[in-house]
Amino acid sequence: MFRGYGAFIREFLRASYTTGAVLPSGPTLCKTLASYIGTEPEGRGPSEELRRARRVLEVGPGTGCVTREIAKRLGPDDTLDLVECNPTFVANLRRMLEKDPVMQTVAGRTRVFDCYLQELETDTQYDRIVSGLPLNNFPVELVSEILSLFESLSAPGGTVSWFEYVAIRRMKSAVSFGKDGKRLRGITAALEAILQPYEFRRQAVWANVPPAWVHHVRFDQTQPR
């Protein structure tokens, strides 16, 4: 349960702009973020014989607690790419691939990219994208750029899942003035521009500190909702 907590707290104190939380995601939140790995968007998993190989991307895996849940759900031919900008977390992820029994099972199909998402050089489109990026910490322009990248990196019929803490942004917006208040209201507008037309499911995770919303988005609207 406490895997990675020390590293996470140290990195929060050192680089809270990109870390975004004092503690790693709890087990329920990790499972909810990974819930569409290995399943259809409606939650019904096809038989392994019929399911094609999937390409999975996790952005901002941090200490790897969500990554382990993703690894447990990968099919035998699925691939996993991890994009992490924090060098301490990158080193931890590579260690996990060598030493963690769960991660060892997918190590040969996993790549770790030591960069920001906007620096990722790939022609791959992903069937499942899971993000742990602290969007509420970022400038509005960066949030809009990240959301646009989610769309361009998402394969037809693919899903994108990310989380935010319940009510935190809206409460901070109500009491923030000047540049930060304007920034938070801009983030709300940027997120709603994506969530209103493309979100097909939103899950509340109350068993987390603090409680969180998990947003599941599909940009390809030719697929059934």
Foldseek 3Di string as FASTA:
>chain_A
DCQCLVVLQVCCVVPVLWSVDNGDWDPVVLCVLLQPQQDAPVNHHDDLVPDDAFEEEEEACALPSSVLNNLVRHRPRYAYEYEHQDVVSLVNVVVCCVPPPSNVSRSVRYYYHNHHLVPDDDPAAGQEYGYATNLLSDFLVVLLVVVVSNVNNHDASHKYKYKDFPCPLVVCLVVDDDPSVVRSVSNVVSVCVQCVVFFPDWDWAVPTVHIMIMTMGHPNPVDDD
